[in-house]
Amino acid sequence: MLCGATVVLAGSLTAVPAGAATPQSAQAAQAAKVTWKKCATDEYPTLQCASVKVPLDYAKPQGRKITLALSRVPHTARKYQGPLLVNPGGPGGSGLSLAGFVASSLPKAVASQYDVIGFDPRGVGKSKPALDCKPGHFNPVRPDSVPSTSAIEKANLARAKSFAKACGTKYADVLPYINTVNAVKDMDQIRKALGAKKINYFGYSYGTYLGQVYAKLFPTRVRRLVLDSIVDPDGVWYDANITQDYAFDARHKALMAWIAKYDSTYKLGTDPAAIEAKWYAMRAELAKKPAGGKVGASELEDTFIPGGYYNGYWPSLASAFAAYVNDKKSAPLVEAYENFAAVDASGDNGYSVYTAVQCRDVSWPRDWNQWRKDNWAVYGKAPFMAWNNAWYNAPCAYWPTKTLKPVNVANSKLPPVLLFQATDDAATPYQGGVTVNRLLKHSSLVVEQGGGNHGITLSGNACLDKYLAKYLTDGTVPHGSGVADAVCKKTADPKPAATAQSALTAGRQSGTASADTLHGLVGFRG
């Protein structure tokens, strides 16, 4: 598991200079209908925004239109390599700010050759209509995620059913058209509106699945393709969530081991297993008496799940954990919840699109007995996120639309493709990178050995970023003899912060400002 507009620019699209790698035809240039307006921010002073209309139903292209929000950092170099579409994942993630981040994080000589294009996929953010099935669905305090009694299970099932029903009632006319294939067709409409014969694409997380499916449906429209933290297409989506549970449990144990390493700071002991036992004891206490009236057992899980995505959060989480256990202080835990887990209107929108896409993309078990059996089996081996993740996806058991068939993304028609994957990534486990490397014939896999973060390029690892910059400069990819074509060492784990208060501002010493920004944009749950 985001642009204002004031001044209309004189030219909506800069023509490709002679000799550029992807020249536009006169016909394509005339088809461009995007009007860019300034929407600069302090962080991204050259950011521009626009919108484009696309069919709600591609079977009826002349029918109802919906609006997609776009952003752009325009190229400045004489050599122009075309649009570079970027997506942060989700489903449900807004990509408008990601354009600014990518343009400012790539080497200037590289970024200046591209129009970096962000977009809010259908249903998301500033695109219209934007989904919000049930505002406040995640308001605390929710039922305990672990259904240890029939009453708790019934309460969680009622939440899942009510969310699915609310989506079906509120968005009956839209919901059947919110899915990955339509989002990919939207991407091709963006390409056409930009007047480009081909696109370059850079996706993180679920954005890698968008890239896989786009490449399958429009292989001749792909110029360069970068996928970072890769969705395994063989597992979409029920099996992928089960696989995640084991990986997140391993990352939670890695956090416990990290805390043990810094006993002088956190004073929770030197035995990771004993520290983990203290965490579960804290969870049991919060199930009975939520911290600050907000952080119950489910909210505690929500607070610590981001640590599985990005170890830059570990100092904050460890400090809050220690303050609660050692000093009986709950305020740092509540603060961590507010920073990492509290769901606002943007989060409600993201979750609405997340469920709409995943529940529609493929079939899910409709018999709750299957979910119960599978998730208790996971819980017995990997309890940390098992039931929390199950309830997050449970609306799919009751989703009001019919399901589609999964896309076979195997592809031999692409130019060289560059893949990035960390070996210990929890959200998109390592096998996804291996699988996609096999399915995309002309792909090369760059591995961060021992890395556990989700989203690994443009976040402080110079080795990874070197391969990315080289590829975007001239299309060069590494070629190796093993499973991986190139291997980079992982970035260092963070150092601890002395207090929970300092953790939020100074505790992410392993990362850079760019790493923090990236993981804020990529977000959680995909």
Protein backbone atom coordinates (compact mmCIF):
# COMPACT_ATOMS: atom_id res chain seq x y z
CA MET A 1 0.00 0.00 0.00
CA LEU A 2 0.19 14.77 -4.47
CA CYS A 3 -0.58 21.06 -9.12
CA GLY A 4 -2.23 24.29 -9.49
CA ALA A 5 -2.43 26.13 -12.76
CA THR A 6 -1.86 29.78 -13.60
CA VAL A 7 -0.09 30.57 -16.86
CA VAL A 8 -0.69 28.76 -20.15
CA LEU A 9 2.56 28.05 -21.92
CA ALA A 10 2.97 29.22 -25.48
CA GLY A 11 3.80 25.78 -26.83
CA SER A 12 2.19 22.65 -25.49
CA LEU A 13 4.85 20.36 -26.92
CA THR A 14 8.42 21.00 -28.04
CA ALA A 15 9.26 19.44 -31.39
CA VAL A 16 11.98 16.82 -31.42
CA PRO A 17 15.26 18.21 -32.73
CA ALA A 18 16.79 16.66 -35.81
CA GLY A 19 18.75 13.56 -34.93
CA ALA A 20 16.84 12.83 -31.73
CA ALA A 21 16.29 9.19 -30.91
CA THR A 22 12.48 9.23 -31.24
CA PRO A 23 11.40 11.75 -33.86
CA GLN A 24 7.75 12.66 -34.04
CA SER A 25 5.85 12.48 -37.27
CA ALA A 26 4.04 15.59 -38.38
CA GLN A 27 0.78 13.73 -37.96
CA ALA A 28 1.63 12.79 -34.37
CA ALA A 29 2.70 16.33 -33.54
CA GLN A 30 -0.60 17.68 -34.86
CA ALA A 31 -2.47 15.23 -32.67
CA ALA A 32 -0.98 16.66 -29.47
CA LYS A 33 -3.73 18.19 -27.37
CA VAL A 34 -2.00 18.75 -24.04
CA THR A 35 -1.91 22.31 -22.73
CA TRP A 36 0.71 22.67 -20.01
CA LYS A 37 0.36 25.20 -17.23
CA LYS A 38 2.78 26.17 -14.52
CA CYS A 39 2.26 24.43 -11.19
CA ALA A 40 5.68 24.90 -9.65
CA THR A 41 6.45 23.97 -6.06
CA ASP A 42 9.40 24.95 -3.88
CA GLU A 43 10.87 21.49 -4.46
CA TYR A 44 10.12 21.33 -8.18
CA PRO A 45 10.22 24.87 -9.62
CA THR A 46 9.84 23.82 -13.27
CA LEU A 47 6.88 21.49 -12.76
CA GLN A 48 3.97 21.89 -15.15
CA CYS A 49 0.49 20.37 -15.11
CA ALA A 50 -2.16 19.42 -17.61
CA SER A 51 -5.02 17.01 -18.18
CA VAL A 52 -6.20 14.71 -20.92
CA LYS A 53 -9.56 13.09 -21.56
CA VAL A 54 -9.80 9.35 -22.24
CA PRO A 55 -12.70 6.94 -22.77
CA LEU A 56 -14.20 5.44 -19.63
CA ASP A 57 -15.00 2.31 -21.66
CA TYR A 58 -12.58 1.50 -24.45
CA ALA A 59 -15.23 -0.66 -26.09
CA LYS A 60 -17.13 2.60 -26.61
CA PRO A 61 -14.40 5.11 -27.45
CA GLN A 62 -16.89 7.80 -28.44
CA GLY A 63 -18.82 7.44 -25.20
CA ARG A 64 -18.31 8.94 -21.76
CA LYS A 65 -14.91 10.52 -21.13
CA ILE A 66 -12.97 10.74 -17.89
CA THR A 67 -10.05 13.06 -17.09
CA LEU A 68 -6.47 12.13 -16.23
CA ALA A 69 -4.22 14.58 -14.40
CA LEU A 70 -0.69 14.93 -15.77
CA SER A 71 2.51 16.63 -14.64
CA ARG A 72 5.71 17.37 -16.50
CA VAL A 73 9.26 18.55 -16.00
CA PRO A 74 10.20 19.54 -19.56
CA HIS A 75 13.49 18.68 -21.18
CA THR A 76 16.10 21.40 -21.52
CA ALA A 77 18.86 19.69 -23.51
CA ARG A 78 19.22 20.01 -27.26
CA LYS A 79 19.16 16.21 -27.48
CA TYR A 80 15.60 15.11 -26.72
CA GLN A 81 14.81 11.45 -26.06
CA GLY A 82 11.05 11.80 -25.72
CA PRO A 83 8.62 11.47 -22.79
CA LEU A 84 9.57 9.42 -19.74
CA LEU A 85 6.38 8.34 -17.98
CA VAL A 86 6.82 7.55 -14.30
CA ASN A 87 4.57 5.76 -11.82
CA PRO A 88 5.05 5.13 -8.06
CA GLY A 89 2.83 2.07 -7.68
CA GLY A 90 -0.25 1.29 -5.67
CA PRO A 91 -2.60 0.56 -7.32
CA GLY A 92 -3.87 3.95 -6.26
CA GLY A 93 -0.65 5.95 -6.05
CA SER A 94 -0.49 9.48 -7.42
CA GLY A 95 2.36 10.10 -9.84
CA LEU A 96 2.19 13.87 -10.13
CA SER A 97 4.97 14.64 -7.63
CA LEU A 98 7.05 11.68 -8.80
CA ALA A 99 7.82 13.50 -12.05
CA GLY A 100 9.53 16.26 -10.10
CA PHE A 101 11.36 13.79 -7.91
CA VAL A 102 12.69 11.71 -10.81
CA ALA A 103 13.72 14.76 -12.82
CA SER A 104 15.61 16.25 -9.87
CA SER A 105 17.16 12.96 -8.71
CA LEU A 106 18.58 11.76 -12.03
CA PRO A 107 21.88 13.29 -13.15
CA LYS A 108 21.05 16.62 -14.74
CA ALA A 109 22.65 15.62 -18.03
CA VAL A 110 20.28 12.64 -18.21
CA ALA A 111 17.05 14.21 -16.95
CA SER A 112 17.45 17.19 -19.25
CA GLN A 113 17.03 14.94 -22.29
CA TYR A 114 13.52 13.82 -21.29
CA ASP A 115 10.13 15.28 -20.64
CA VAL A 116 9.50 13.52 -17.33
CA ILE A 117 5.76 12.86 -17.21
CA GLY A 118 3.81 12.01 -14.06
CA PHE A 119 0.17 11.00 -14.07
CA ASP A 120 -2.66 10.10 -11.76
CA PRO A 121 -4.15 6.87 -13.13
CA ARG A 122 -7.91 6.68 -13.58
CA GLY A 123 -9.71 7.09 -10.27
CA VAL A 124 -6.66 8.52 -8.50
CA GLY A 125 -5.94 11.90 -6.94
CA LYS A 126 -6.57 14.82 -9.27
CA SER A 127 -7.95 12.64 -12.06
CA LYS A 128 -11.74 12.78 -12.37
CA PRO A 129 -13.73 11.05 -11.13
CA ALA A 130 -11.58 10.21 -8.10
CA LEU A 131 -12.80 7.29 -6.03
CA ASP A 132 -13.51 7.44 -2.30
CA CYS A 133 -15.79 4.52 -1.53
CA LYS A 134 -16.10 4.89 2.21
CA PRO A 135 -14.40 7.85 3.87
CA GLY A 136 -12.97 6.98 7.27
CA HIS A 137 -12.79 3.25 6.62
CA PHE A 138 -9.50 3.09 8.52
CA ASN A 139 -10.44 5.35 11.39
CA PRO A 140 -9.16 4.01 14.71
CA VAL A 141 -9.75 1.93 16.66
CA ARG A 142 -10.51 -1.00 14.34
CA PRO A 143 -11.20 -4.57 15.43
CA ASP A 144 -8.15 -6.66 16.24
CA SER A 145 -6.85 -8.06 12.95
CA VAL A 146 -6.31 -11.53 14.42
CA PRO A 147 -9.76 -13.20 14.46
CA SER A 148 -9.18 -15.11 17.66
CA THR A 149 -12.93 -15.18 18.36
CA SER A 150 -15.93 -15.50 16.07
CA ALA A 151 -17.06 -12.04 17.19
CA ILE A 152 -13.80 -10.45 16.04
CA GLU A 153 -13.98 -12.30 12.73
CA LYS A 154 -17.57 -11.17 12.19
CA ALA A 155 -16.64 -7.56 12.94
CA ASN A 156 -13.81 -7.62 10.39
CA LEU A 157 -15.99 -9.37 7.81
CA ALA A 158 -18.66 -6.74 8.29
CA ARG A 159 -16.10 -4.01 7.56
CA ALA A 160 -14.93 -5.76 4.39
CA LYS A 161 -18.47 -6.39 3.14
CA SER A 162 -19.58 -2.84 3.86
CA PHE A 163 -16.62 -1.38 1.99
CA ALA A 164 -17.29 -3.54 -1.08
CA LYS A 165 -20.97 -2.65 -0.97
CA ALA A 166 -20.22 1.07 -0.63
CA CYS A 167 -17.96 0.96 -3.69
CA GLY A 168 -20.56 -0.90 -5.72
CA THR A 169 -23.31 1.51 -4.72
CA LYS A 170 -21.38 4.76 -5.07
CA TYR A 171 -19.48 3.93 -8.26
CA ALA A 172 -21.65 1.40 -10.09
CA ASP A 173 -21.08 3.20 -13.39
CA VAL A 174 -17.30 3.47 -12.99
CA LEU A 175 -16.10 0.44 -11.06
CA PRO A 176 -16.15 -2.06 -13.96
CA TYR A 177 -13.64 0.13 -15.81
CA ILE A 178 -11.06 0.57 -13.04
CA ASN A 179 -8.41 -2.06 -13.75
CA THR A 180 -4.83 -2.48 -14.88
CA VAL A 181 -5.60 -3.06 -18.57
CA ASN A 182 -7.61 0.16 -18.81
CA ALA A 183 -4.92 2.07 -16.91
CA VAL A 184 -2.43 0.82 -19.49
CA LYS A 185 -4.68 1.87 -22.36
CA ASP A 186 -4.84 5.28 -20.68
CA MET A 187 -1.04 5.40 -20.78
CA ASP A 188 -1.18 4.92 -24.53
CA GLN A 189 -3.72 7.71 -24.81
CA ILE A 190 -1.26 9.91 -22.91
CA ARG A 191 1.42 8.92 -25.43
CA LYS A 192 -0.86 9.95 -28.29
CA ALA A 193 -1.77 13.23 -26.60
CA LEU A 194 1.93 13.99 -26.18
CA GLY A 195 2.47 13.38 -29.88
CA ALA A 196 5.07 10.69 -29.25
CA LYS A 197 5.51 7.59 -31.40
CA LYS A 198 7.03 5.72 -28.43
CA ILE A 199 7.35 6.23 -24.71
CA ASN A 200 10.05 5.64 -22.16
CA TYR A 201 8.67 4.27 -18.90
CA PHE A 202 9.98 4.04 -15.33
CA GLY A 203 7.80 2.32 -12.72
CA TYR A 204 8.16 1.35 -9.09
CA SER A 205 6.25 -1.44 -7.32
CA TYR A 206 2.77 -1.91 -8.88
CA GLY A 207 4.07 0.51 -11.49
CA THR A 208 6.26 -2.36 -12.68
CA TYR A 209 3.13 -4.37 -13.41
CA LEU A 210 1.71 -1.44 -15.36
CA GLY A 211 4.94 -1.47 -17.34
CA GLN A 212 4.77 -5.21 -17.98
CA VAL A 213 1.19 -5.02 -19.20
CA TYR A 214 1.80 -1.90 -21.30
CA ALA A 215 4.73 -3.65 -22.96
CA LYS A 216 2.52 -6.66 -23.70
CA LEU A 217 -0.32 -4.66 -25.21
CA PHE A 218 1.84 -2.08 -27.00
CA PRO A 219 5.29 -3.61 -27.55
CA THR A 220 6.10 -1.43 -30.55
CA ARG A 221 5.39 1.69 -28.48
CA VAL A 222 8.12 0.94 -25.91
CA ARG A 223 11.45 2.68 -26.34
CA ARG A 224 13.00 2.19 -22.89
CA LEU A 225 11.54 0.38 -19.90
CA VAL A 226 12.79 0.50 -16.30
CA LEU A 227 11.12 -1.59 -13.61
CA ASP A 228 12.16 -1.21 -9.94
CA SER A 229 10.90 -3.57 -7.19
CA ILE A 230 9.06 -5.95 -9.42
CA VAL A 231 5.60 -7.46 -9.14
CA ASP A 232 5.59 -11.18 -9.90
CA PRO A 233 2.94 -11.52 -12.64
CA ASP A 234 2.45 -15.18 -11.76
CA GLY A 235 0.96 -14.23 -8.37
CA VAL A 236 -1.53 -11.47 -9.09
CA TRP A 237 -3.16 -10.84 -6.73
CA TYR A 238 -4.25 -13.33 -4.04
CA ASP A 239 -1.08 -15.42 -4.09
CA ALA A 240 1.10 -12.30 -4.15
CA ASN A 241 -0.39 -11.15 -0.87
CA ILE A 242 0.24 -14.51 0.75
CA THR A 243 3.85 -14.39 -0.41
CA GLN A 244 4.19 -10.87 0.98
CA ASP A 245 3.17 -12.06 4.45
CA TYR A 246 6.20 -14.32 4.81
CA ALA A 247 8.55 -11.64 3.50
CA PHE A 248 7.18 -8.94 5.81
CA ASP A 249 7.52 -11.24 8.79
CA ALA A 250 11.18 -11.67 7.86
CA ARG A 251 11.65 -7.90 7.62
CA HIS A 252 9.99 -7.44 11.01
CA LYS A 253 12.49 -9.91 12.44
CA ALA A 254 15.27 -7.93 10.75
CA LEU A 255 14.05 -4.85 12.62
CA MET A 256 14.12 -6.79 15.88
CA ALA A 257 17.71 -7.87 15.14
CA TRP A 258 18.65 -4.27 14.38
CA ILE A 259 17.18 -3.14 17.71
CA ALA A 260 19.15 -5.86 19.47
CA LYS A 261 22.33 -4.55 17.89
CA TYR A 262 21.71 -1.18 19.53
CA ASP A 263 20.73 -2.26 23.03
CA SER A 264 22.75 0.63 24.46
CA THR A 265 20.25 2.98 22.84
CA TYR A 266 16.94 1.15 23.05
CA LYS A 267 17.50 -1.02 26.14
CA LEU A 268 15.21 -3.75 24.88
CA GLY A 269 17.81 -6.51 25.11
CA THR A 270 20.31 -8.21 22.84
CA ASP A 271 18.24 -11.26 21.85
CA PRO A 272 16.10 -10.55 18.74
CA ALA A 273 13.61 -13.30 19.64
CA ALA A 274 13.13 -11.88 23.14
CA ILE A 275 12.67 -8.38 21.69
CA GLU A 276 10.08 -9.73 19.27
CA ALA A 277 8.27 -11.31 22.22
CA LYS A 278 8.17 -7.87 23.86
CA TRP A 279 6.68 -6.44 20.68
CA TYR A 280 3.88 -9.03 20.69
CA ALA A 281 3.32 -8.41 24.39
CA MET A 282 2.95 -4.70 23.56
CA ARG A 283 0.48 -5.64 20.87
CA ALA A 284 -1.57 -7.68 23.36
CA GLU A 285 -1.67 -4.72 25.78
CA LEU A 286 -2.78 -2.34 23.06
CA ALA A 287 -5.54 -4.73 22.02
CA LYS A 288 -6.99 -4.24 25.50
CA LYS A 289 -6.14 -0.56 25.94
CA PRO A 290 -5.27 1.40 22.78
CA ALA A 291 -2.55 4.01 23.18
CA GLY A 292 -4.02 7.49 23.20
CA GLY A 293 -7.37 6.01 22.27
CA LYS A 294 -5.95 5.54 18.74
CA VAL A 295 -3.36 2.79 18.55
CA GLY A 296 -4.88 -0.61 19.08
CA ALA A 297 -3.49 -3.92 17.87
CA SER A 298 -4.39 -3.33 14.22
CA GLU A 299 -3.10 0.24 14.26
CA LEU A 300 0.18 -0.96 15.79
CA GLU A 301 0.62 -3.32 12.86
CA ASP A 302 -0.19 -0.49 10.47
CA THR A 303 2.48 1.62 12.17
CA PHE A 304 5.22 -0.99 11.87
CA ILE A 305 4.40 -2.29 8.37
CA PRO A 306 6.11 0.74 6.76
CA GLY A 307 9.33 -0.45 8.41
CA GLY A 308 9.10 -3.46 6.13
CA TYR A 309 9.11 -1.16 3.12
CA TYR A 310 11.92 1.13 4.19
CA ASN A 311 14.50 0.76 6.94
CA GLY A 312 14.84 4.53 7.19
CA TYR A 313 11.79 4.33 9.46
CA TRP A 314 13.46 1.93 11.89
CA PRO A 315 14.90 4.54 14.29
CA SER A 316 11.49 6.16 14.75
CA LEU A 317 9.74 2.82 15.25
CA ALA A 318 12.38 1.50 17.64
CA SER A 319 12.27 4.65 19.74
CA ALA A 320 8.49 4.54 20.03
CA PHE A 321 8.61 0.82 20.88
CA ALA A 322 11.24 1.40 23.57
CA ALA A 323 9.40 4.37 25.06
CA TYR A 324 6.24 2.31 25.46
CA VAL A 325 7.93 -0.79 26.89
CA ASN A 326 10.59 0.82 29.06
CA ASP A 327 9.02 4.08 30.13
CA LYS A 328 5.28 3.39 29.79
CA LYS A 329 5.02 6.36 27.45
CA SER A 330 2.44 6.04 24.70
CA ALA A 331 2.82 9.49 23.08
CA PRO A 332 5.76 8.47 20.84
CA LEU A 333 3.75 5.47 19.64
CA VAL A 334 0.79 7.68 18.82
CA GLU A 335 3.13 10.09 17.00
CA ALA A 336 4.59 7.22 14.96
CA TYR A 337 1.07 6.09 14.08
CA GLU A 338 0.16 9.60 12.95
CA ASN A 339 3.32 9.83 10.84
CA PHE A 340 3.30 6.40 9.24
CA ALA A 341 -0.16 4.87 9.44
CA ALA A 342 -3.00 7.35 9.86
CA VAL A 343 -5.15 7.40 6.70
CA ASP A 344 -6.37 10.75 5.37
CA ALA A 345 -8.64 11.53 2.41
CA SER A 346 -5.80 10.85 0.00
CA GLY A 347 -5.30 7.47 1.65
CA ASP A 348 -9.01 6.72 1.39
CA ASN A 349 -8.79 7.49 -2.33
CA GLY A 350 -5.71 5.32 -2.75
CA TYR A 351 -7.30 2.37 -0.98
CA SER A 352 -10.48 2.71 -3.01
CA VAL A 353 -8.50 2.47 -6.24
CA TYR A 354 -6.29 -0.27 -4.83
CA THR A 355 -9.29 -2.50 -4.18
CA ALA A 356 -11.05 -1.49 -7.38
CA VAL A 357 -8.06 -2.53 -9.48
CA GLN A 358 -6.97 -5.65 -7.64
CA CYS A 359 -10.46 -7.01 -7.11
CA ARG A 360 -11.35 -6.47 -10.78
CA ASP A 361 -8.06 -7.59 -12.38
CA VAL A 362 -8.32 -11.28 -11.56
CA SER A 363 -10.53 -13.74 -9.71
CA TRP A 364 -10.29 -14.04 -5.92
CA PRO A 365 -11.64 -16.83 -3.69
CA ARG A 366 -15.30 -16.10 -3.02
CA ASP A 367 -15.56 -18.66 -0.23
CA TRP A 368 -14.39 -17.09 3.02
CA ASN A 369 -13.51 -20.54 4.32
CA GLN A 370 -10.63 -20.55 1.82
CA TRP A 371 -9.32 -17.24 3.15
CA ARG A 372 -9.68 -18.46 6.72
CA LYS A 373 -7.76 -21.67 6.02
CA ASP A 374 -4.97 -19.99 4.05
CA ASN A 375 -4.40 -17.11 6.42
CA TRP A 376 -4.40 -19.15 9.60
CA ALA A 377 -1.77 -21.33 7.91
CA VAL A 378 0.32 -18.25 7.16
CA TYR A 379 -0.22 -16.86 10.66
CA GLY A 380 1.19 -20.03 12.19
CA LYS A 381 4.52 -19.39 10.48
CA ALA A 382 4.59 -15.64 9.82
CA PRO A 383 2.18 -13.84 12.14
CA PHE A 384 3.32 -10.22 11.81
CA MET A 385 1.22 -9.11 8.83
CA ALA A 386 -0.81 -12.20 7.94
CA TRP A 387 -4.27 -11.19 9.11
CA ASN A 388 -3.72 -7.46 8.70
CA ASN A 389 -3.02 -8.06 5.02
CA ALA A 390 -5.93 -10.46 4.71
CA TRP A 391 -8.43 -7.87 5.93
CA TYR A 392 -6.85 -5.21 3.74
CA ASN A 393 -7.72 -7.33 0.71
CA ALA A 394 -10.88 -8.97 2.05
CA PRO A 395 -13.31 -6.72 0.12
CA CYS A 396 -12.23 -8.69 -2.96
CA ALA A 397 -14.11 -11.71 -1.61
CA TYR A 398 -17.31 -9.67 -1.95
CA TRP A 399 -16.49 -7.35 -4.85
CA PRO A 400 -19.53 -6.32 -6.89
CA THR A 401 -17.95 -6.49 -10.37
CA LYS A 402 -17.03 -9.47 -12.49
CA THR A 403 -13.35 -10.30 -12.75
CA LEU A 404 -10.99 -10.34 -15.69
CA LYS A 405 -8.35 -12.83 -16.71
CA PRO A 406 -4.69 -12.21 -15.80
CA VAL A 407 -2.42 -10.90 -18.55
CA ASN A 408 0.33 -13.14 -19.85
CA VAL A 409 3.18 -10.64 -19.90
CA ALA A 410 5.78 -12.89 -21.60
CA ASN A 411 7.38 -10.78 -24.29
CA SER A 412 10.06 -11.23 -26.94
CA LYS A 413 9.27 -8.06 -28.90
CA LEU A 414 10.88 -5.43 -26.71
CA PRO A 415 14.14 -3.50 -26.90
CA PRO A 416 16.54 -3.99 -23.95
CA VAL A 417 14.74 -3.61 -20.61
CA LEU A 418 16.36 -2.79 -17.25
CA LEU A 419 15.12 -4.42 -14.04
CA PHE A 420 16.07 -3.59 -10.43
CA GLN A 421 15.35 -5.84 -7.45
CA ALA A 422 16.51 -6.10 -3.83
CA THR A 423 16.97 -9.63 -2.55
CA ASP A 424 15.09 -9.01 0.73
CA ASP A 425 12.30 -6.75 -0.55
CA ALA A 426 9.12 -7.65 1.33
CA ALA A 427 6.46 -5.89 -0.73
CA THR A 428 7.64 -7.37 -4.04
CA PRO A 429 9.78 -10.38 -3.10
CA TYR A 430 12.92 -11.25 -5.05
CA GLN A 431 11.29 -13.98 -7.14
CA GLY A 432 9.30 -11.33 -8.99
CA GLY A 433 12.47 -9.88 -10.45
CA VAL A 434 13.72 -13.33 -11.44
CA THR A 435 10.40 -14.23 -13.05
CA VAL A 436 10.09 -11.04 -15.08
CA ASN A 437 13.72 -11.29 -16.16
CA ARG A 438 12.83 -14.69 -17.61
CA LEU A 439 9.57 -13.55 -19.21
CA LEU A 440 10.95 -10.42 -20.89
CA LYS A 441 13.40 -11.81 -23.38
CA HIS A 442 15.67 -8.79 -23.73
CA SER A 443 15.79 -7.75 -20.08
CA SER A 444 18.73 -7.37 -17.71
CA LEU A 445 18.43 -7.73 -13.93
CA VAL A 446 20.40 -5.59 -11.48
CA VAL A 447 20.23 -6.94 -7.93
CA GLU A 448 20.84 -5.16 -4.64
CA GLN A 449 22.34 -8.00 -2.60
CA GLY A 450 21.00 -8.08 0.95
CA GLY A 451 18.87 -4.99 0.41
CA GLY A 452 15.45 -4.99 2.04
CA ASN A 453 13.99 -1.70 0.89
CA HIS A 454 11.17 -1.42 -1.61
CA GLY A 455 12.13 1.06 -4.31
CA ILE A 456 15.91 1.07 -4.60
CA THR A 457 16.98 3.40 -7.40
CA LEU A 458 17.32 7.15 -6.81
CA SER A 459 17.51 6.53 -3.07
CA GLY A 460 21.19 6.70 -2.27
CA ASN A 461 22.78 3.63 -3.87
CA ALA A 462 25.33 4.98 -6.35
CA CYS A 463 25.95 1.55 -7.87
CA LEU A 464 22.31 1.07 -8.82
CA ASP A 465 21.94 4.63 -10.03
CA LYS A 466 24.97 4.25 -12.31
CA TYR A 467 23.20 1.48 -14.24
CA LEU A 468 19.99 3.52 -14.38
CA ALA A 469 21.74 6.64 -15.70
CA LYS A 470 23.68 4.68 -18.31
CA TYR A 471 20.53 3.01 -19.60
CA LEU A 472 18.58 6.25 -19.84
CA THR A 473 21.54 7.91 -21.55
CA ASP A 474 22.09 5.45 -24.37
CA GLY A 475 20.12 2.25 -23.75
CA THR A 476 23.05 0.26 -22.41
CA VAL A 477 22.23 -2.66 -20.08
CA PRO A 478 24.60 -5.00 -18.23
CA HIS A 479 24.98 -8.61 -19.29
CA GLY A 480 26.01 -11.28 -16.81
CA SER A 481 26.23 -15.06 -16.78
CA GLY A 482 24.15 -15.75 -13.67
CA VAL A 483 20.58 -15.05 -12.60
CA ALA A 484 21.57 -11.43 -12.09
CA ASP A 485 23.30 -9.44 -14.81
CA ALA A 486 24.85 -7.12 -12.22
CA VAL A 487 25.01 -7.06 -8.42
CA CYS A 488 25.31 -4.03 -6.14
CA LYS A 489 25.99 -3.96 -2.43
CA LYS A 490 23.10 -2.81 -0.30
CA THR A 491 22.99 0.63 1.25
CA ALA A 492 23.92 0.67 4.93
CA ASP A 493 21.25 0.22 7.56
CA PRO A 494 20.37 3.34 9.54
CA LYS A 495 21.97 4.38 12.82
CA PRO A 496 19.77 4.77 15.89
CA ALA A 497 18.40 8.01 17.24
CA ALA A 498 18.68 8.81 20.92
CA THR A 499 15.01 9.63 21.41
CA ALA A 500 11.74 9.13 19.65
CA GLN A 501 11.55 12.88 19.04
CA SER A 502 14.93 13.04 17.32
CA ALA A 503 14.24 9.85 15.38
CA LEU A 504 11.74 11.52 13.10
CA THR A 505 14.12 14.30 12.13
CA ALA A 506 17.61 12.88 12.46
CA GLY A 507 17.31 9.12 12.70
CA ARG A 508 17.43 8.18 9.04
CA GLN A 509 21.18 8.41 8.85
CA SER A 510 21.61 5.60 6.36
CA GLY A 511 19.35 7.23 3.83
CA THR A 512 19.45 10.51 2.05
CA ALA A 513 16.81 13.15 1.64
CA SER A 514 16.03 11.54 -1.70
CA ALA A 515 15.46 8.14 -0.08
CA ASP A 516 12.99 9.61 2.38
CA THR A 517 11.20 11.49 -0.39
CA LEU A 518 11.03 8.46 -2.66
CA HIS A 519 9.55 6.21 -0.01
CA GLY A 520 7.02 8.86 0.86
CA LEU A 521 5.94 8.87 -2.79
CA VAL A 522 5.98 5.10 -3.29
CA GLY A 523 4.01 4.64 -0.08
CA PHE A 524 2.78 1.38 1.36
CA ARG A 525 0.70 -1.64 0.35
CA GLY A 526 2.22 -1.86 -3.13
